[in-house]
Amino acid sequence: MNNPVANINEVYQGNRWEGAKAASRKMAARLYAAGLTKRAARMWTCGDYLAIRKSDDGELIADAPQLCRDRLCPMCAWRLSRRRFAEMMAVFNALAPEIIEHDYSATMLTLTIRNMKLPDLRRSIDGMATAWHNLIRREFFRDVIGWARSLEITYNPQTQTYHPHMHIILIWAKYDNTSATAEVIRDGWKAACNLDYSPVIDIRKVYSRDGDGESKHALIKSALEAFKYAVKPDCSEKIPQSDLFEFAGAIKGVRFVSYGKAIKRARTALGFKNEESAEDESDMKNELPDETVIALLAWSGTRYAPAVLTDGKWRFNPAELSTAAANVSHETKTEGENEQ
């Protein structure tokens, strides 16, 4: 039986899926070389096949039934970024009537501390999380009726330092858009983090009733983009091989996103999870997709290619599949050693 989807590329966006899959294989090789062999093995097979199915509204969609859910996996990071973005847009749509009725404002707040060496990263991340929860309870934030916080970590190869920082969307019942507001927040963040220097912060409006709808929508989308990645794939590629094992340990169990007040309530009403799952561990299922799948694509080593249906069951086409999976340990170790 031939693949029933006439134009696969229109459905699964081949270049994006294939780019993410290739990047995941590369990261898996690096993890194996760093001694994280179990995580490397899971990541190596992450997204080995894509299922094409119909959504509830009849739209054709592509998804990867087999995922490692590792925080350093480019495939999983890309899929998670798409989900977070869609969820935040749904939350804003759900809150829109209330925001419009009460003339609320929304701001994008970025909180930073100075760059640090890797041994200080986890302590700094934990300290920032505590500082944020202390900051949001201060009297100045009494008019915040909802918030969403995301932690991002970047790496500077010139200084060989790491930079954790927070992006936070705040919905305000009342907001004073002046430089004095930024100064109050900066002083509060400095005190909450117990810093001996004045940290860099940035706060800007991303929604108000001023301006046309198109510009407001664009501002909201640009702010929500900041919630997409905890560690951007292009950043993780820059992390030295010698740092990778320690970096993976430093971010293990870290809660990268959190929500509060109206945004958290809206997420609950929409059926979204408010507690970030532990993405360090895999819930990978190794069985093939069920009978609801109308087409299947399998990773051939360089690209996704159609699989075939034989005797009522999905079978991979041997001519299209890579034989590398049978020698994962050997191949990943070789690639990892070449990268060092």
C-alpha atoms as a PDB file:
ATOM      1  CA  MET A   1       0.000   0.000   0.000  1.00  0.00           C
ATOM      2  CA  ASN A   2       1.437   3.347  -1.024  1.00  0.00           C
ATOM      3  CA  ASN A   3       1.612   6.342   1.272  1.00  0.00           C
ATOM      4  CA  PRO A   4      -1.819   8.047   1.024  1.00  0.00           C
ATOM      5  CA  VAL A   5      -0.524  11.577   1.548  1.00  0.00           C
ATOM      6  CA  ALA A   6       0.075  13.165  -1.828  1.00  0.00           C
ATOM      7  CA  ASN A   7       2.389  15.949  -0.745  1.00  0.00           C
ATOM      8  CA  ILE A   8       4.198  15.066   2.473  1.00  0.00           C
ATOM      9  CA  ASN A   9       6.312  18.216   2.503  1.00  0.00           C
ATOM     10  CA  GLU A  10       3.229  20.412   2.889  1.00  0.00           C
ATOM     11  CA  VAL A  11       2.188  18.433   5.961  1.00  0.00           C
ATOM     12  CA  TYR A  12       5.357  17.827   7.893  1.00  0.00           C
ATOM     13  CA  GLN A  13       7.630  20.767   6.946  1.00  0.00           C
ATOM     14  CA  GLY A  14      10.504  18.488   6.006  1.00  0.00           C
ATOM     15  CA  ASN A  15      13.408  20.895   6.383  1.00  0.00           C
ATOM     16  CA  ARG A  16      12.463  21.835   9.944  1.00  0.00           C
ATOM     17  CA  TRP A  17      11.825  18.272  11.124  1.00  0.00           C
ATOM     18  CA  GLU A  18      14.933  16.965   9.401  1.00  0.00           C
ATOM     19  CA  GLY A  19      17.098  19.785  10.732  1.00  0.00           C
ATOM     20  CA  ALA A  20      15.911  19.110  14.279  1.00  0.00           C
ATOM     21  CA  LYS A  21      16.458  15.360  13.902  1.00  0.00           C
ATOM     22  CA  ALA A  22      19.969  15.784  12.515  1.00  0.00           C
ATOM     23  CA  ALA A  23      20.831  18.177  15.356  1.00  0.00           C
ATOM     24  CA  SER A  24      19.535  15.640  17.894  1.00  0.00           C
ATOM     25  CA  ARG A  25      21.797  12.937  16.446  1.00  0.00           C
ATOM     26  CA  LYS A  26      24.744  15.311  16.742  1.00  0.00           C
ATOM     27  CA  MET A  27      23.933  16.175  20.362  1.00  0.00           C
ATOM     28  CA  ALA A  28      23.438  12.493  21.180  1.00  0.00           C
ATOM     29  CA  ALA A  29      26.938  11.811  19.895  1.00  0.00           C
ATOM     30  CA  ARG A  30      28.312  14.541  22.136  1.00  0.00           C
ATOM     31  CA  LEU A  31      26.455  13.193  25.186  1.00  0.00           C
ATOM     32  CA  TYR A  32      27.819   9.721  24.543  1.00  0.00           C
ATOM     33  CA  ALA A  33      31.347  11.088  24.306  1.00  0.00           C
ATOM     34  CA  ALA A  34      30.745  12.937  27.598  1.00  0.00           C
ATOM     35  CA  GLY A  35      29.840   9.670  29.326  1.00  0.00           C
ATOM     36  CA  LEU A  36      26.053  10.163  29.378  1.00  0.00           C
ATOM     37  CA  THR A  37      25.456   6.959  27.453  1.00  0.00           C
ATOM     38  CA  LYS A  38      21.846   6.221  28.480  1.00  0.00           C
ATOM     39  CA  ARG A  39      20.647   9.703  27.616  1.00  0.00           C
ATOM     40  CA  ALA A  40      22.616   9.541  24.380  1.00  0.00           C
ATOM     41  CA  ALA A  41      20.968   6.258  23.368  1.00  0.00           C
ATOM     42  CA  ARG A  42      17.469   7.661  23.981  1.00  0.00           C
ATOM     43  CA  MET A  43      18.238  10.859  22.110  1.00  0.00           C
ATOM     44  CA  TRP A  44      19.747   8.946  19.180  1.00  0.00           C
ATOM     45  CA  THR A  45      16.380   7.295  18.459  1.00  0.00           C
ATOM     46  CA  CYS A  46      14.260  10.338  19.361  1.00  0.00           C
ATOM     47  CA  GLY A  47      11.923  11.151  16.484  1.00  0.00           C
ATOM     48  CA  ASP A  48      13.052   8.178  14.392  1.00  0.00           C
ATOM     49  CA  TYR A  49       9.654   8.218  12.742  1.00  0.00           C
ATOM     50  CA  LEU A  50       6.904  10.766  12.158  1.00  0.00           C
ATOM     51  CA  ALA A  51       3.225   9.926  12.155  1.00  0.00           C
ATOM     52  CA  ILE A  52       0.866  11.762   9.818  1.00  0.00           C
ATOM     53  CA  ARG A  53      -2.664  11.811  11.212  1.00  0.00           C
ATOM     54  CA  LYS A  54      -5.819  13.856  11.178  1.00  0.00           C
ATOM     55  CA  SER A  55      -6.591  16.209  14.038  1.00  0.00           C
ATOM     56  CA  ASP A  56     -10.069  16.398  15.567  1.00  0.00           C
ATOM     57  CA  ASP A  57     -10.986  19.160  13.123  1.00  0.00           C
ATOM     58  CA  GLY A  58      -9.815  17.107  10.140  1.00  0.00           C
ATOM     59  CA  GLU A  59      -6.502  18.901   9.575  1.00  0.00           C
ATOM     60  CA  LEU A  60      -3.480  16.792   8.629  1.00  0.00           C
ATOM     61  CA  ILE A  61      -0.715  17.119  11.219  1.00  0.00           C
ATOM     62  CA  ALA A  62       2.684  15.538  11.758  1.00  0.00           C
ATOM     63  CA  ASP A  63       3.967  14.401  15.121  1.00  0.00           C
ATOM     64  CA  ALA A  64       6.768  12.274  16.520  1.00  0.00           C
ATOM     65  CA  PRO A  65       5.339   9.456  18.673  1.00  0.00           C
ATOM     66  CA  GLN A  66       8.772   8.466  19.974  1.00  0.00           C
ATOM     67  CA  LEU A  67      10.475  11.226  21.979  1.00  0.00           C
ATOM     68  CA  CYS A  68      13.280  11.282  24.540  1.00  0.00           C
ATOM     69  CA  ARG A  69      12.100  14.539  26.213  1.00  0.00           C
ATOM     70  CA  ASP A  70      15.664  15.429  27.154  1.00  0.00           C
ATOM     71  CA  ARG A  71      16.264  19.116  27.829  1.00  0.00           C
ATOM     72  CA  LEU A  72      19.339  19.090  25.616  1.00  0.00           C
ATOM     73  CA  CYS A  73      17.579  17.390  22.696  1.00  0.00           C
ATOM     74  CA  PRO A  74      17.119  19.825  19.782  1.00  0.00           C
ATOM     75  CA  MET A  75      14.143  17.838  18.460  1.00  0.00           C
ATOM     76  CA  CYS A  76      12.318  17.943  21.790  1.00  0.00           C
ATOM     77  CA  ALA A  77      13.317  21.572  22.415  1.00  0.00           C
ATOM     78  CA  TRP A  78      11.828  22.590  19.063  1.00  0.00           C
ATOM     79  CA  ARG A  79       8.575  20.722  19.696  1.00  0.00           C
ATOM     80  CA  LEU A  80       8.348  22.080  23.261  1.00  0.00           C
ATOM     81  CA  SER A  81       8.883  25.617  21.982  1.00  0.00           C
ATOM     82  CA  ARG A  82       5.973  25.229  19.561  1.00  0.00           C
ATOM     83  CA  ARG A  83       3.731  23.942  22.328  1.00  0.00           C
ATOM     84  CA  ARG A  84       4.648  26.694  24.792  1.00  0.00           C
ATOM     85  CA  PHE A  85       4.079  29.373  22.198  1.00  0.00           C
ATOM     86  CA  ALA A  86       0.664  27.949  21.249  1.00  0.00           C
ATOM     87  CA  GLU A  87      -0.355  27.624  24.897  1.00  0.00           C
ATOM     88  CA  MET A  88       0.596  31.197  25.732  1.00  0.00           C
ATOM     89  CA  MET A  89      -1.350  32.497  22.733  1.00  0.00           C
ATOM     90  CA  ALA A  90      -4.373  30.467  23.884  1.00  0.00           C
ATOM     91  CA  VAL A  91      -4.049  31.916  27.388  1.00  0.00           C
ATOM     92  CA  PHE A  92      -3.971  35.482  26.097  1.00  0.00           C
ATOM     93  CA  ASN A  93      -6.985  34.806  23.902  1.00  0.00           C
ATOM     94  CA  ALA A  94      -8.839  33.403  26.912  1.00  0.00           C
ATOM     95  CA  LEU A  95      -7.937  36.414  29.053  1.00  0.00           C
ATOM     96  CA  ALA A  96      -8.581  38.982  26.310  1.00  0.00           C
ATOM     97  CA  PRO A  97     -12.188  39.828  27.321  1.00  0.00           C
ATOM     98  CA  GLU A  98     -11.142  40.489  30.914  1.00  0.00           C
ATOM     99  CA  ILE A  99      -8.063  42.471  29.844  1.00  0.00           C
ATOM    100  CA  ILE A 100     -10.106  44.628  27.468  1.00  0.00           C
ATOM    101  CA  GLU A 101     -12.985  45.154  29.882  1.00  0.00           C
ATOM    102  CA  HIS A 102     -10.752  46.324  32.731  1.00  0.00           C
ATOM    103  CA  ASP A 103      -8.181  48.092  30.535  1.00  0.00           C
ATOM    104  CA  TYR A 104      -5.290  45.996  31.847  1.00  0.00           C
ATOM    105  CA  SER A 105      -1.724  46.344  30.540  1.00  0.00           C
ATOM    106  CA  ALA A 106       0.924  43.707  29.914  1.00  0.00           C
ATOM    107  CA  THR A 107       4.689  44.131  30.153  1.00  0.00           C
ATOM    108  CA  MET A 108       7.707  42.058  29.296  1.00  0.00           C
ATOM    109  CA  LEU A 109      10.263  42.047  32.114  1.00  0.00           C
ATOM    110  CA  THR A 110      13.783  40.684  31.709  1.00  0.00           C
ATOM    111  CA  LEU A 111      15.809  40.086  34.893  1.00  0.00           C
ATOM    112  CA  THR A 112      19.519  39.360  34.707  1.00  0.00           C
ATOM    113  CA  ILE A 113      22.583  38.780  36.812  1.00  0.00           C
ATOM    114  CA  ARG A 114      26.208  38.809  35.737  1.00  0.00           C
ATOM    115  CA  ASN A 115      27.727  35.968  33.731  1.00  0.00           C
ATOM    116  CA  MET A 116      29.421  33.199  35.682  1.00  0.00           C
ATOM    117  CA  LYS A 117      31.631  30.167  35.280  1.00  0.00           C
ATOM    118  CA  LEU A 118      30.016  26.753  35.084  1.00  0.00           C
ATOM    119  CA  PRO A 119      30.662  25.676  38.714  1.00  0.00           C
ATOM    120  CA  ASP A 120      28.518  28.610  39.907  1.00  0.00           C
ATOM    121  CA  LEU A 121      25.647  28.055  37.468  1.00  0.00           C
ATOM    122  CA  ARG A 122      23.314  25.822  39.484  1.00  0.00           C
ATOM    123  CA  ARG A 123      23.695  27.843  42.681  1.00  0.00           C
ATOM    124  CA  SER A 124      22.902  31.004  40.731  1.00  0.00           C
ATOM    125  CA  ILE A 125      19.842  29.455  39.055  1.00  0.00           C
ATOM    126  CA  ASP A 126      18.441  28.313  42.402  1.00  0.00           C
ATOM    127  CA  GLY A 127      19.128  31.740  43.899  1.00  0.00           C
ATOM    128  CA  MET A 128      17.314  33.482  41.036  1.00  0.00           C
ATOM    129  CA  ALA A 129      14.245  31.272  41.482  1.00  0.00           C
ATOM    130  CA  THR A 130      14.068  32.127  45.183  1.00  0.00           C
ATOM    131  CA  ALA A 131      14.668  35.804  44.451  1.00  0.00           C
ATOM    132  CA  TRP A 132      11.822  35.925  41.919  1.00  0.00           C
ATOM    133  CA  HIS A 133       9.294  34.479  44.354  1.00  0.00           C
ATOM    134  CA  ASN A 134      10.409  37.004  46.973  1.00  0.00           C
ATOM    135  CA  LEU A 135      10.227  39.852  44.457  1.00  0.00           C
ATOM    136  CA  ILE A 136       6.701  39.116  43.194  1.00  0.00           C
ATOM    137  CA  ARG A 137       5.390  39.209  46.774  1.00  0.00           C
ATOM    138  CA  ARG A 138       6.580  42.788  47.301  1.00  0.00           C
ATOM    139  CA  GLU A 139       4.080  45.600  47.664  1.00  0.00           C
ATOM    140  CA  PHE A 140       5.132  47.138  44.352  1.00  0.00           C
ATOM    141  CA  PHE A 141       3.687  44.142  42.474  1.00  0.00           C
ATOM    142  CA  ARG A 142       0.290  44.242  44.213  1.00  0.00           C
ATOM    143  CA  ASP A 143      -1.326  45.354  40.917  1.00  0.00           C
ATOM    144  CA  VAL A 144       0.012  42.331  38.983  1.00  0.00           C
ATOM    145  CA  ILE A 145      -2.969  40.069  38.303  1.00  0.00           C
ATOM    146  CA  GLY A 146      -1.090  37.398  36.329  1.00  0.00           C
ATOM    147  CA  TRP A 147       2.431  36.375  35.376  1.00  0.00           C
ATOM    148  CA  ALA A 148       4.410  33.811  33.384  1.00  0.00           C
ATOM    149  CA  ARG A 149       8.134  33.294  33.966  1.00  0.00           C
ATOM    150  CA  SER A 150      10.715  31.566  31.790  1.00  0.00           C
ATOM    151  CA  LEU A 151      14.379  30.921  32.553  1.00  0.00           C
ATOM    152  CA  GLU A 152      16.857  30.994  29.674  1.00  0.00           C
ATOM    153  CA  ILE A 153      20.565  30.133  29.734  1.00  0.00           C
ATOM    154  CA  THR A 154      23.047  31.356  27.136  1.00  0.00           C
ATOM    155  CA  TYR A 155      26.759  30.718  26.726  1.00  0.00           C
ATOM    156  CA  ASN A 156      29.456  33.230  25.781  1.00  0.00           C
ATOM    157  CA  PRO A 157      32.338  31.420  24.041  1.00  0.00           C
ATOM    158  CA  GLN A 158      34.574  34.505  24.218  1.00  0.00           C
ATOM    159  CA  THR A 159      34.490  34.683  28.023  1.00  0.00           C
ATOM    160  CA  GLN A 160      33.584  30.999  28.521  1.00  0.00           C
ATOM    161  CA  THR A 161      30.812  32.038  30.886  1.00  0.00           C
ATOM    162  CA  TYR A 162      27.115  31.257  31.288  1.00  0.00           C
ATOM    163  CA  HIS A 163      24.293  33.757  31.541  1.00  0.00           C
ATOM    164  CA  PRO A 164      21.012  32.693  33.174  1.00  0.00           C
ATOM    165  CA  HIS A 165      18.256  35.272  32.885  1.00  0.00           C
ATOM    166  CA  MET A 166      14.482  35.431  33.234  1.00  0.00           C
ATOM    167  CA  HIS A 167      11.804  36.578  30.818  1.00  0.00           C
ATOM    168  CA  ILE A 168       8.524  37.390  32.577  1.00  0.00           C
ATOM    169  CA  ILE A 169       5.188  38.505  31.198  1.00  0.00           C
ATOM    170  CA  LEU A 170       3.237  40.552  33.745  1.00  0.00           C
ATOM    171  CA  ILE A 171      -0.412  41.539  33.422  1.00  0.00           C
ATOM    172  CA  TRP A 172      -1.118  44.695  35.411  1.00  0.00           C
ATOM    173  CA  ALA A 173      -4.385  46.115  36.681  1.00  0.00           C
ATOM    174  CA  LYS A 174      -2.510  49.406  36.928  1.00  0.00           C
ATOM    175  CA  TYR A 175       0.909  50.110  35.431  1.00  0.00           C
ATOM    176  CA  ASP A 176       3.032  53.243  35.621  1.00  0.00           C
ATOM    177  CA  ASN A 177       5.085  53.310  32.421  1.00  0.00           C
ATOM    178  CA  THR A 178       7.947  55.492  33.687  1.00  0.00           C
ATOM    179  CA  SER A 179      11.664  55.141  34.316  1.00  0.00           C
ATOM    180  CA  ALA A 180      10.923  55.204  38.034  1.00  0.00           C
ATOM    181  CA  THR A 181       9.140  51.846  37.661  1.00  0.00           C
ATOM    182  CA  ALA A 182      12.258  50.263  36.189  1.00  0.00           C
ATOM    183  CA  GLU A 183      14.384  51.673  38.997  1.00  0.00           C
ATOM    184  CA  VAL A 184      12.074  50.279  41.677  1.00  0.00           C
ATOM    185  CA  ILE A 185      12.161  46.830  40.048  1.00  0.00           C
ATOM    186  CA  ARG A 186      15.949  46.973  39.625  1.00  0.00           C
ATOM    187  CA  ASP A 187      16.441  47.858  43.287  1.00  0.00           C
ATOM    188  CA  GLY A 188      14.033  45.121  44.336  1.00  0.00           C
ATOM    189  CA  TRP A 189      15.787  42.521  42.170  1.00  0.00           C
ATOM    190  CA  LYS A 190      19.178  43.579  43.525  1.00  0.00           C
ATOM    191  CA  ALA A 191      17.960  43.168  47.092  1.00  0.00           C
ATOM    192  CA  ALA A 192      16.169  39.872  46.409  1.00  0.00           C
ATOM    193  CA  CYS A 193      19.317  38.394  44.825  1.00  0.00           C
ATOM    194  CA  ASN A 194      21.563  39.931  47.503  1.00  0.00           C
ATOM    195  CA  LEU A 195      23.792  41.471  44.823  1.00  0.00           C
ATOM    196  CA  ASP A 196      26.597  43.941  45.435  1.00  0.00           C
ATOM    197  CA  TYR A 197      26.110  45.553  42.018  1.00  0.00           C
ATOM    198  CA  SER A 198      23.208  47.100  40.112  1.00  0.00           C
ATOM    199  CA  PRO A 199      21.817  44.422  37.743  1.00  0.00           C
ATOM    200  CA  VAL A 200      20.644  45.028  34.200  1.00  0.00           C
ATOM    201  CA  ILE A 201      16.876  44.765  33.807  1.00  0.00           C
ATOM    202  CA  ASP A 202      14.508  45.655  30.996  1.00  0.00           C
ATOM    203  CA  ILE A 203      10.771  46.270  31.142  1.00  0.00           C
ATOM    204  CA  ARG A 204       8.559  47.298  28.248  1.00  0.00           C
ATOM    205  CA  LYS A 205       4.897  47.285  27.380  1.00  0.00           C
ATOM    206  CA  VAL A 206       3.699  44.459  25.166  1.00  0.00           C
ATOM    207  CA  TYR A 207       0.017  45.275  25.381  1.00  0.00           C
ATOM    208  CA  SER A 208      -2.153  48.302  26.060  1.00  0.00           C
ATOM    209  CA  ARG A 209      -5.267  49.757  24.536  1.00  0.00           C
ATOM    210  CA  ASP A 210      -3.148  52.357  22.746  1.00  0.00           C
ATOM    211  CA  GLY A 211      -2.271  51.690  19.112  1.00  0.00           C
ATOM    212  CA  ASP A 212      -3.952  49.520  16.499  1.00  0.00           C
ATOM    213  CA  GLY A 213      -4.775  45.852  16.894  1.00  0.00           C
ATOM    214  CA  GLU A 214      -2.139  44.681  14.431  1.00  0.00           C
ATOM    215  CA  SER A 215       0.726  46.369  16.296  1.00  0.00           C
ATOM    216  CA  LYS A 216      -0.527  45.079  19.652  1.00  0.00           C
ATOM    217  CA  HIS A 217      -0.744  41.532  18.309  1.00  0.00           C
ATOM    218  CA  ALA A 218       2.792  41.770  16.920  1.00  0.00           C
ATOM    219  CA  LEU A 219       4.129  42.996  20.260  1.00  0.00           C
ATOM    220  CA  ILE A 220       2.455  40.160  22.150  1.00  0.00           C
ATOM    221  CA  LYS A 221       3.846  37.573  19.741  1.00  0.00           C
ATOM    222  CA  SER A 222       7.365  39.000  19.998  1.00  0.00           C
ATOM    223  CA  ALA A 223       7.192  38.789  23.786  1.00  0.00           C
ATOM    224  CA  LEU A 224       5.870  35.245  23.785  1.00  0.00           C
ATOM    225  CA  GLU A 225       8.745  34.178  21.532  1.00  0.00           C
ATOM    226  CA  ALA A 226      10.988  34.619  24.572  1.00  0.00           C
ATOM    227  CA  PHE A 227       9.218  31.674  26.218  1.00  0.00           C
ATOM    228  CA  LYS A 228      10.226  29.208  23.538  1.00  0.00           C
ATOM    229  CA  TYR A 229      13.624  27.852  24.602  1.00  0.00           C
ATOM    230  CA  ALA A 230      15.353  27.177  27.918  1.00  0.00           C
ATOM    231  CA  VAL A 231      18.643  26.485  26.162  1.00  0.00           C
ATOM    232  CA  LYS A 232      18.513  27.449  22.495  1.00  0.00           C
ATOM    233  CA  PRO A 233      19.930  24.771  20.169  1.00  0.00           C
ATOM    234  CA  ASP A 234      22.448  27.186  18.684  1.00  0.00           C
ATOM    235  CA  CYS A 235      23.613  27.965  22.232  1.00  0.00           C
ATOM    236  CA  SER A 236      23.954  24.334  23.294  1.00  0.00           C
ATOM    237  CA  GLU A 237      26.103  23.719  20.226  1.00  0.00           C
ATOM    238  CA  LYS A 238      28.585  26.296  21.535  1.00  0.00           C
ATOM    239  CA  ILE A 239      28.984  24.668  24.948  1.00  0.00           C
ATOM    240  CA  PRO A 240      32.456  23.047  25.059  1.00  0.00           C
ATOM    241  CA  GLN A 241      32.573  19.267  25.064  1.00  0.00           C
ATOM    242  CA  SER A 242      34.548  19.436  28.315  1.00  0.00           C
ATOM    243  CA  ASP A 243      31.630  21.311  29.973  1.00  0.00           C
ATOM    244  CA  LEU A 244      28.804  19.153  28.698  1.00  0.00           C
ATOM    245  CA  PHE A 245      28.638  16.559  31.491  1.00  0.00           C
ATOM    246  CA  GLU A 246      28.712  19.197  34.237  1.00  0.00           C
ATOM    247  CA  PHE A 247      26.256  21.463  32.398  1.00  0.00           C
ATOM    248  CA  ALA A 248      23.766  18.610  32.004  1.00  0.00           C
ATOM    249  CA  GLY A 249      23.986  18.009  35.745  1.00  0.00           C
ATOM    250  CA  ALA A 250      23.623  21.704  36.558  1.00  0.00           C
ATOM    251  CA  ILE A 251      20.264  22.024  34.769  1.00  0.00           C
ATOM    252  CA  LYS A 252      18.851  18.654  35.858  1.00  0.00           C
ATOM    253  CA  GLY A 253      15.567  19.120  37.709  1.00  0.00           C
ATOM    254  CA  VAL A 254      15.493  22.893  37.198  1.00  0.00           C
ATOM    255  CA  ARG A 255      12.026  24.351  36.726  1.00  0.00           C
ATOM    256  CA  PHE A 256      12.416  26.534  33.658  1.00  0.00           C
ATOM    257  CA  VAL A 257       8.850  27.862  33.493  1.00  0.00           C
ATOM    258  CA  SER A 258       6.258  28.837  36.082  1.00  0.00           C
ATOM    259  CA  TYR A 259       2.957  30.697  36.157  1.00  0.00           C
ATOM    260  CA  GLY A 260       0.958  32.691  38.648  1.00  0.00           C
ATOM    261  CA  LYS A 261      -2.460  34.193  39.367  1.00  0.00           C
ATOM    262  CA  ALA A 262      -4.732  34.801  36.333  1.00  0.00           C
ATOM    263  CA  ILE A 263      -2.394  33.141  33.843  1.00  0.00           C
ATOM    264  CA  LYS A 264      -2.141  30.019  35.971  1.00  0.00           C
ATOM    265  CA  ARG A 265      -5.922  29.909  36.410  1.00  0.00           C
ATOM    266  CA  ALA A 266      -6.446  30.304  32.660  1.00  0.00           C
ATOM    267  CA  ARG A 267      -4.024  27.477  31.930  1.00  0.00           C
ATOM    268  CA  THR A 268      -5.897  25.225  34.345  1.00  0.00           C
ATOM    269  CA  ALA A 269      -9.224  26.087  32.716  1.00  0.00           C
ATOM    270  CA  LEU A 270      -7.760  25.314  29.290  1.00  0.00           C
ATOM    271  CA  GLY A 271      -6.454  21.953  30.478  1.00  0.00           C
ATOM    272  CA  PHE A 272      -2.752  22.870  30.343  1.00  0.00           C
ATOM    273  CA  LYS A 273      -0.314  21.568  32.933  1.00  0.00           C
ATOM    274  CA  ASN A 274       1.003  24.239  35.273  1.00  0.00           C
ATOM    275  CA  GLU A 275       3.778  22.123  36.729  1.00  0.00           C
ATOM    276  CA  GLU A 276       6.684  21.618  34.362  1.00  0.00           C
ATOM    277  CA  SER A 277       7.365  17.939  33.808  1.00  0.00           C
ATOM    278  CA  ALA A 278      10.794  16.510  34.480  1.00  0.00           C
ATOM    279  CA  GLU A 279      12.183  16.574  30.972  1.00  0.00           C
ATOM    280  CA  ASP A 280      15.426  14.947  32.076  1.00  0.00           C
ATOM    281  CA  GLU A 281      13.777  11.531  31.931  1.00  0.00           C
ATOM    282  CA  SER A 282      12.286   9.701  28.980  1.00  0.00           C
ATOM    283  CA  ASP A 283       8.765   8.381  28.684  1.00  0.00           C
ATOM    284  CA  MET A 284       9.628   7.052  25.271  1.00  0.00           C
ATOM    285  CA  LYS A 285       7.372   4.375  23.884  1.00  0.00           C
ATOM    286  CA  ASN A 286       8.938   2.033  21.395  1.00  0.00           C
ATOM    287  CA  GLU A 287       5.813   0.685  19.706  1.00  0.00           C
ATOM    288  CA  LEU A 288       4.770   1.918  16.292  1.00  0.00           C
ATOM    289  CA  PRO A 289       1.811   4.304  15.935  1.00  0.00           C
ATOM    290  CA  ASP A 290      -1.723   2.923  16.062  1.00  0.00           C
ATOM    291  CA  GLU A 291      -4.299   2.459  13.321  1.00  0.00           C
ATOM    292  CA  THR A 292      -5.321   6.143  13.382  1.00  0.00           C
ATOM    293  CA  VAL A 293      -2.107   7.026  11.563  1.00  0.00           C
ATOM    294  CA  ILE A 294      -2.666   7.520   7.840  1.00  0.00           C
ATOM    295  CA  ALA A 295       0.998   7.728   6.875  1.00  0.00           C
ATOM    296  CA  LEU A 296       4.379   7.140   8.436  1.00  0.00           C
ATOM    297  CA  LEU A 297       7.789   8.629   7.698  1.00  0.00           C
ATOM    298  CA  ALA A 298      10.965   7.003   8.960  1.00  0.00           C
ATOM    299  CA  TRP A 299      14.438   8.502   9.467  1.00  0.00           C
ATOM    300  CA  SER A 300      16.857   7.152   6.882  1.00  0.00           C
ATOM    301  CA  GLY A 301      20.009   8.629   8.376  1.00  0.00           C
ATOM    302  CA  THR A 302      19.900  11.842   6.335  1.00  0.00           C
ATOM    303  CA  ARG A 303      16.193  12.492   5.758  1.00  0.00           C
ATOM    304  CA  TYR A 304      12.660  11.254   6.447  1.00  0.00           C
ATOM    305  CA  ALA A 305      11.290   8.826   3.880  1.00  0.00           C
ATOM    306  CA  PRO A 306       7.920   7.077   3.490  1.00  0.00           C
ATOM    307  CA  ALA A 307       7.424   3.796   5.304  1.00  0.00           C
ATOM    308  CA  VAL A 308       5.088   1.122   3.951  1.00  0.00           C
ATOM    309  CA  LEU A 309       2.101  -0.770   5.373  1.00  0.00           C
ATOM    310  CA  THR A 310       2.458  -4.567   5.187  1.00  0.00           C
ATOM    311  CA  ASP A 311      -0.138  -7.095   6.406  1.00  0.00           C
ATOM    312  CA  GLY A 312      -2.003  -4.361   8.256  1.00  0.00           C
ATOM    313  CA  LYS A 313       1.057  -3.250  10.218  1.00  0.00           C
ATOM    314  CA  TRP A 314       3.511  -0.434   9.707  1.00  0.00           C
ATOM    315  CA  ARG A 315       6.893  -1.659   8.569  1.00  0.00           C
ATOM    316  CA  PHE A 316       9.950   0.406   7.824  1.00  0.00           C
ATOM    317  CA  ASN A 317      11.282   0.273   4.283  1.00  0.00           C
ATOM    318  CA  PRO A 318      14.789  -1.217   4.631  1.00  0.00           C
ATOM    319  CA  ALA A 319      15.950   0.643   1.530  1.00  0.00           C
ATOM    320  CA  GLU A 320      15.095   3.970   3.187  1.00  0.00           C
ATOM    321  CA  LEU A 321      16.361   3.337   6.691  1.00  0.00           C
ATOM    322  CA  SER A 322      19.775   3.916   8.147  1.00  0.00           C
ATOM    323  CA  THR A 323      21.592   0.906   9.584  1.00  0.00           C
ATOM    324  CA  ALA A 324      23.237   3.161  12.137  1.00  0.00           C
ATOM    325  CA  ALA A 325      20.698   2.312  14.849  1.00  0.00           C
ATOM    326  CA  ALA A 326      22.180  -1.175  15.139  1.00  0.00           C
ATOM    327  CA  ASN A 327      25.540   0.363  15.976  1.00  0.00           C
ATOM    328  CA  VAL A 328      24.485   3.400  17.993  1.00  0.00           C
ATOM    329  CA  SER A 329      27.142   3.051  20.658  1.00  0.00           C
ATOM    330  CA  HIS A 330      29.992   2.680  18.195  1.00  0.00           C
ATOM    331  CA  GLU A 331      28.857   5.457  15.876  1.00  0.00           C
ATOM    332  CA  THR A 332      28.012   7.995  18.570  1.00  0.00           C
ATOM    333  CA  LYS A 333      31.299   7.410  20.312  1.00  0.00           C
ATOM    334  CA  THR A 334      33.174   7.923  17.056  1.00  0.00           C
ATOM    335  CA  GLU A 335      31.309  11.146  16.272  1.00  0.00           C
ATOM    336  CA  GLY A 336      31.790  12.437  19.794  1.00  0.00           C
ATOM    337  CA  GLU A 337      35.502  11.793  19.711  1.00  0.00           C
ATOM    338  CA  ASN A 338      35.790  13.616  16.388  1.00  0.00           C
ATOM    339  CA  GLU A 339      34.102  16.675  17.843  1.00  0.00           C
ATOM    340  CA  GLN A 340      36.448  17.013  20.791  1.00  0.00           C
END
